[in-house]
Amino acid sequence: MGKRKLQLAILDMYDGEPNQGMRCIREIVERFSKEVTYKIFDVRGKAEIPEIRDFDLFISTGGPGNPLEGNGYWDLKYYDFLDQVWIWNQNHSKKKYLLLICHSFQMACKHFGLGEITKRKSTSFGVMTIHKTADGIKDPLFQNLPNPFWAVDSRDFQVVQPKMRKFKLLGSQVIALEKIRNHVEYERALMAIRFSEEIVGTQFHPEADPVSFLNHLKKPDVREKIIALKGKGKFRSMLEDLVDEEKIYKTNETLIPNFLANSIRKLTNRSVEVMI
């Protein structure tokens, strides 16, 4: 008999908005097709939430809008999902593994009380440096990534002001921070948190690949907005970043695969074959 494949739930938080994120995530997951099968849940559009007991792994995506707002239905179901994963892991030897991306990460930080979610002075968008903390240098999520590493950042909101008492209570760790900006007085956003051994999240987009980013930059409204905010030089540098294999390509090839490979090994005690 063949080995049982692990069950992965992808929680789609895009609310029907056209995006490249889902394609990128599916393509990464499909590299693990020998180990994992997956199902997609439309959280915001249809209030679909996976049954915790039926799945081994979860990836919860980024998405548009204000992470502090919901409709009083899907968002409450989502917060209950976060609680269920946490409680399951406190009470079962076989754990559930969860990766939270951007919008999902911000909602989880709000729910667990780990920081303040505020609106940024201006949209953060582009290929940015992400800096590991001392804990992040040791974290398996970032294995084989340099410090700092590069990733796509796209957000109007940010998680800042870590509540260290709550971090200590939950056993959570800040594992990455926003780039250092000595010329401004803004706080550095929390770019990644290890909520627990099984739950981890990033405020940036580790799934983004050069194709997805280029398609986004090709949109006339996006191009005009970036040039208005950053100038033509910054826009050209973003295009140059796309062909650098040590930037977003490296992160795409490394971070989510690290999450999946490490989770699969812990769940199965098997070495992981990745389809490239």
Protein backbone atom coordinates (compact mmCIF):
# COMPACT_ATOMS: atom_id res chain seq x y z
CA MET A 1 0.00 0.00 0.00
CA GLY A 2 1.18 3.54 -0.74
CA LYS A 3 1.85 5.95 2.05
CA ARG A 4 -0.96 8.30 3.05
CA LYS A 5 -0.49 11.83 1.81
CA LEU A 6 -0.78 14.64 4.33
CA GLN A 7 -3.77 16.94 4.00
CA LEU A 8 -3.12 20.66 3.54
CA ALA A 9 -5.81 23.36 3.75
CA ILE A 10 -5.11 26.66 1.97
CA LEU A 11 -7.22 29.43 3.51
CA ASP A 12 -7.86 31.93 0.70
CA MET A 13 -8.16 35.42 2.24
CA TYR A 14 -8.28 37.37 -1.04
CA ASP A 15 -12.07 37.89 -0.96
CA GLY A 16 -12.36 37.26 -4.69
CA GLU A 17 -9.87 39.97 -5.62
CA PRO A 18 -7.66 39.01 -8.60
CA ASN A 19 -4.18 38.14 -7.36
CA GLN A 20 -1.02 36.19 -8.09
CA GLY A 21 -0.62 34.94 -4.53
CA MET A 22 -2.82 31.88 -4.89
CA ARG A 23 -1.02 30.77 -8.05
CA CYS A 24 2.35 31.14 -6.33
CA ILE A 25 1.23 29.19 -3.27
CA ARG A 26 -0.27 26.39 -5.36
CA GLU A 27 2.91 26.10 -7.42
CA ILE A 28 5.06 25.82 -4.28
CA VAL A 29 2.74 23.26 -2.68
CA GLU A 30 2.73 21.20 -5.88
CA ARG A 31 6.49 20.76 -5.51
CA PHE A 32 5.55 18.55 -2.55
CA SER A 33 2.97 16.52 -4.47
CA LYS A 34 4.46 13.20 -3.38
CA GLU A 35 3.79 14.09 0.24
CA VAL A 36 0.83 16.48 0.30
CA THR A 37 -2.60 16.96 -1.24
CA TYR A 38 -4.46 20.22 -0.74
CA LYS A 39 -7.88 21.86 -0.69
CA ILE A 40 -8.68 25.58 -0.94
CA PHE A 41 -11.19 27.34 1.35
CA ASP A 42 -12.74 30.70 0.47
CA VAL A 43 -12.70 32.30 3.92
CA ARG A 44 -13.88 35.85 3.25
CA GLY A 45 -16.12 35.25 0.26
CA LYS A 46 -17.97 32.14 1.48
CA ALA A 47 -16.95 31.93 5.16
CA GLU A 48 -15.40 28.51 4.48
CA ILE A 49 -13.21 27.21 7.30
CA PRO A 50 -11.52 23.79 7.29
CA GLU A 51 -12.28 21.20 9.95
CA ILE A 52 -9.18 21.08 12.13
CA ARG A 53 -9.26 17.30 12.59
CA ASP A 54 -9.33 16.67 8.82
CA PHE A 55 -6.07 18.47 7.96
CA ASP A 56 -2.44 18.25 9.00
CA LEU A 57 -1.14 21.56 7.66
CA PHE A 58 -2.58 24.98 6.92
CA ILE A 59 -1.42 27.97 4.88
CA SER A 60 -3.46 31.15 5.36
CA THR A 61 -2.88 33.74 2.65
CA GLY A 62 -2.53 37.48 2.35
CA GLY A 63 -5.42 39.61 1.18
CA PRO A 64 -6.75 43.12 0.62
CA GLY A 65 -8.22 45.59 3.07
CA ASN A 66 -8.07 46.42 6.74
CA PRO A 67 -7.12 43.44 8.96
CA LEU A 68 -9.06 45.02 11.83
CA GLU A 69 -12.34 44.81 9.92
CA GLY A 70 -14.64 41.91 9.10
CA ASN A 71 -18.34 41.37 8.63
CA GLY A 72 -18.95 39.83 12.03
CA TYR A 73 -19.25 36.34 10.55
CA TRP A 74 -16.27 35.11 8.53
CA ASP A 75 -13.81 36.96 10.74
CA LEU A 76 -15.23 35.43 13.93
CA LYS A 77 -15.08 31.99 12.32
CA TYR A 78 -11.46 32.70 11.37
CA TYR A 79 -10.51 33.72 14.90
CA ASP A 80 -12.18 30.56 16.18
CA PHE A 81 -10.07 28.60 13.69
CA LEU A 82 -6.90 30.14 15.14
CA ASP A 83 -8.04 29.17 18.64
CA GLN A 84 -8.85 25.64 17.54
CA VAL A 85 -5.38 25.12 16.07
CA TRP A 86 -3.77 26.49 19.22
CA ILE A 87 -5.92 24.36 21.55
CA TRP A 88 -5.40 21.24 19.43
CA ASN A 89 -1.65 21.61 19.73
CA GLN A 90 -1.89 21.96 23.49
CA ASN A 91 -3.81 18.71 23.79
CA HIS A 92 -2.55 16.32 21.09
CA SER A 93 0.81 14.71 20.43
CA LYS A 94 0.31 14.91 16.65
CA LYS A 95 0.41 18.63 15.97
CA LYS A 96 -1.18 20.88 13.35
CA TYR A 97 1.17 23.20 11.46
CA LEU A 98 0.09 26.66 10.31
CA LEU A 99 1.77 29.35 8.18
CA LEU A 100 0.19 32.83 8.23
CA ILE A 101 0.91 35.35 5.45
CA CYS A 102 0.46 39.15 5.60
CA HIS A 103 -3.29 39.81 6.16
CA SER A 104 -3.63 36.52 8.05
CA PHE A 105 -0.52 37.34 10.06
CA GLN A 106 -1.91 40.73 11.03
CA MET A 107 -5.24 39.23 12.09
CA ALA A 108 -3.46 36.61 14.18
CA CYS A 109 -1.32 39.27 15.89
CA LYS A 110 -4.50 41.16 16.74
CA HIS A 111 -6.25 38.03 17.98
CA PHE A 112 -3.38 36.84 20.18
CA GLY A 113 -2.64 40.36 21.42
CA LEU A 114 0.99 40.39 20.33
CA GLY A 115 1.16 43.92 18.95
CA GLU A 116 -0.63 46.99 17.70
CA ILE A 117 -2.01 47.05 14.14
CA THR A 118 -1.81 50.56 12.68
CA LYS A 119 -2.24 52.16 9.27
CA ARG A 120 1.03 53.10 7.65
CA LYS A 121 1.85 56.69 6.66
CA SER A 122 2.20 55.38 3.09
CA THR A 123 1.84 52.03 1.35
CA SER A 124 4.83 49.73 1.67
CA PHE A 125 5.33 48.11 -1.71
CA GLY A 126 8.30 46.59 -3.44
CA VAL A 127 11.26 44.29 -2.93
CA MET A 128 12.47 44.94 0.61
CA THR A 129 15.22 43.71 2.90
CA ILE A 130 13.97 41.64 5.84
CA HIS A 131 16.23 41.43 8.88
CA LYS A 132 16.40 38.34 11.07
CA THR A 133 16.47 38.80 14.82
CA ALA A 134 18.76 36.71 17.04
CA ASP A 135 15.91 34.19 17.37
CA GLY A 136 15.27 34.39 13.64
CA ILE A 137 18.85 33.46 12.80
CA LYS A 138 18.20 30.10 14.47
CA ASP A 139 14.65 29.64 13.17
CA PRO A 140 14.17 26.79 10.66
CA LEU A 141 11.77 28.93 8.61
CA PHE A 142 14.74 31.03 7.45
CA GLN A 143 17.22 28.21 6.95
CA ASN A 144 19.41 28.82 3.87
CA LEU A 145 18.36 32.47 3.60
CA PRO A 146 20.98 35.22 4.15
CA ASN A 147 20.61 37.95 6.74
CA PRO A 148 19.13 40.22 5.63
CA PHE A 149 17.16 38.51 2.89
CA TRP A 150 14.81 39.97 0.28
CA ALA A 151 11.04 39.64 -0.07
CA VAL A 152 8.02 41.33 -1.59
CA ASP A 153 6.25 43.65 0.82
CA SER A 154 2.78 44.97 0.00
CA ARG A 155 0.70 46.47 2.81
CA ASP A 156 -1.12 49.54 4.03
CA PHE A 157 -1.14 48.32 7.65
CA GLN A 158 1.57 47.14 9.99
CA VAL A 159 2.13 45.27 13.22
CA VAL A 160 4.25 47.33 15.63
CA GLN A 161 4.77 47.77 19.39
CA PRO A 162 5.28 44.14 20.44
CA LYS A 163 3.56 43.25 23.71
CA MET A 164 6.49 41.43 25.26
CA ARG A 165 4.53 40.23 28.29
CA LYS A 166 2.12 38.45 25.95
CA PHE A 167 5.02 37.08 23.90
CA LYS A 168 6.48 35.58 27.06
CA LEU A 169 3.12 34.17 28.15
CA LEU A 170 2.55 32.40 24.83
CA GLY A 171 6.18 31.45 24.26
CA SER A 172 6.25 33.46 21.01
CA GLN A 173 9.27 35.10 19.40
CA VAL A 174 9.85 37.97 16.97
CA ILE A 175 12.02 36.39 14.28
CA ALA A 176 12.26 39.19 11.69
CA LEU A 177 12.00 42.98 11.55
CA GLU A 178 11.52 45.67 8.94
CA LYS A 179 14.59 47.29 7.42
CA ILE A 180 16.44 49.82 9.55
CA ARG A 181 15.55 53.38 8.51
CA ASN A 182 17.80 55.74 10.44
CA HIS A 183 16.58 58.77 8.48
CA VAL A 184 12.99 58.46 9.75
CA GLU A 185 11.50 58.09 13.20
CA TYR A 186 8.98 55.38 12.35
CA GLU A 187 8.90 52.15 14.32
CA ARG A 188 10.23 49.00 12.71
CA ALA A 189 7.35 46.67 11.88
CA LEU A 190 7.39 43.07 13.10
CA MET A 191 7.93 41.17 9.85
CA ALA A 192 7.77 37.59 11.17
CA ILE A 193 6.73 35.89 14.40
CA ARG A 194 7.14 32.36 15.66
CA PHE A 195 3.82 32.13 17.50
CA SER A 196 4.62 28.61 18.68
CA GLU A 197 6.70 25.67 17.53
CA GLU A 198 3.92 24.78 15.08
CA ILE A 199 2.54 28.22 14.11
CA VAL A 200 4.60 30.84 12.29
CA GLY A 201 3.77 33.90 10.22
CA THR A 202 5.24 36.62 8.02
CA GLN A 203 4.02 40.14 7.30
CA PHE A 204 5.70 40.02 3.87
CA HIS A 205 4.88 37.74 0.92
CA PRO A 206 7.24 34.73 0.83
CA GLU A 207 5.21 33.14 -1.98
CA ALA A 208 5.86 35.96 -4.47
CA ASP A 209 7.91 35.08 -7.53
CA PRO A 210 9.35 37.26 -10.33
CA VAL A 211 6.42 36.46 -12.65
CA SER A 212 3.79 37.52 -10.12
CA PHE A 213 5.64 40.69 -9.21
CA LEU A 214 6.26 41.68 -12.82
CA ASN A 215 2.59 41.14 -13.69
CA HIS A 216 1.65 43.44 -10.82
CA LEU A 217 4.13 46.11 -11.89
CA LYS A 218 2.75 46.00 -15.44
CA LYS A 219 -0.62 47.35 -14.28
CA PRO A 220 -0.75 51.03 -15.33
CA ASP A 221 -2.32 52.15 -12.03
CA VAL A 222 0.34 50.31 -10.01
CA ARG A 223 3.18 51.71 -12.13
CA GLU A 224 1.86 55.25 -11.84
CA LYS A 225 1.33 54.93 -8.09
CA ILE A 226 4.87 53.65 -7.48
CA ILE A 227 6.45 56.35 -9.65
CA ALA A 228 4.38 59.02 -7.87
CA LEU A 229 5.42 57.70 -4.44
CA LYS A 230 8.97 56.54 -5.06
CA GLY A 231 10.13 58.00 -8.39
CA LYS A 232 11.21 56.40 -11.65
CA GLY A 233 14.54 55.32 -10.20
CA LYS A 234 12.89 53.19 -7.55
CA PHE A 235 10.57 51.69 -10.15
CA ARG A 236 13.54 50.71 -12.32
CA SER A 237 15.33 49.19 -9.33
CA MET A 238 12.29 47.02 -8.64
CA LEU A 239 12.50 45.68 -12.20
CA GLU A 240 16.22 44.97 -11.73
CA ASP A 241 15.49 43.09 -8.49
CA LEU A 242 13.35 40.63 -10.45
CA VAL A 243 16.32 39.18 -12.34
CA ASP A 244 18.53 38.82 -9.24
CA GLU A 245 18.40 35.16 -8.21
CA GLU A 246 19.49 36.06 -4.67
CA LYS A 247 16.45 38.25 -4.00
CA ILE A 248 12.76 37.32 -4.27
CA TYR A 249 13.49 34.21 -6.33
CA LYS A 250 15.65 32.90 -3.48
CA THR A 251 12.94 33.58 -0.90
CA ASN A 252 10.25 31.99 -3.07
CA GLU A 253 12.40 28.87 -3.46
CA THR A 254 13.26 28.67 0.23
CA LEU A 255 10.84 29.96 2.87
CA ILE A 256 7.52 28.19 2.25
CA PRO A 257 9.39 25.04 1.20
CA ASN A 258 11.19 25.22 4.57
CA PHE A 259 7.83 25.42 6.35
CA LEU A 260 6.44 22.47 4.41
CA ALA A 261 9.55 20.29 4.56
CA ASN A 262 10.07 20.80 8.31
CA SER A 263 6.37 20.23 9.07
CA ILE A 264 6.22 17.08 6.94
CA ARG A 265 9.32 15.65 8.61
CA LYS A 266 7.84 16.23 12.06
CA LEU A 267 4.52 14.68 11.08
CA THR A 268 5.88 11.64 9.26
CA ASN A 269 9.51 11.12 10.32
CA ARG A 270 10.22 10.82 6.59
CA SER A 271 12.73 12.62 4.44
CA VAL A 272 11.01 14.95 2.00
CA GLU A 273 11.23 14.75 -1.78
CA VAL A 274 10.55 18.11 -3.42
CA MET A 275 9.49 18.29 -7.08
CA ILE A 276 11.29 21.25 -8.70
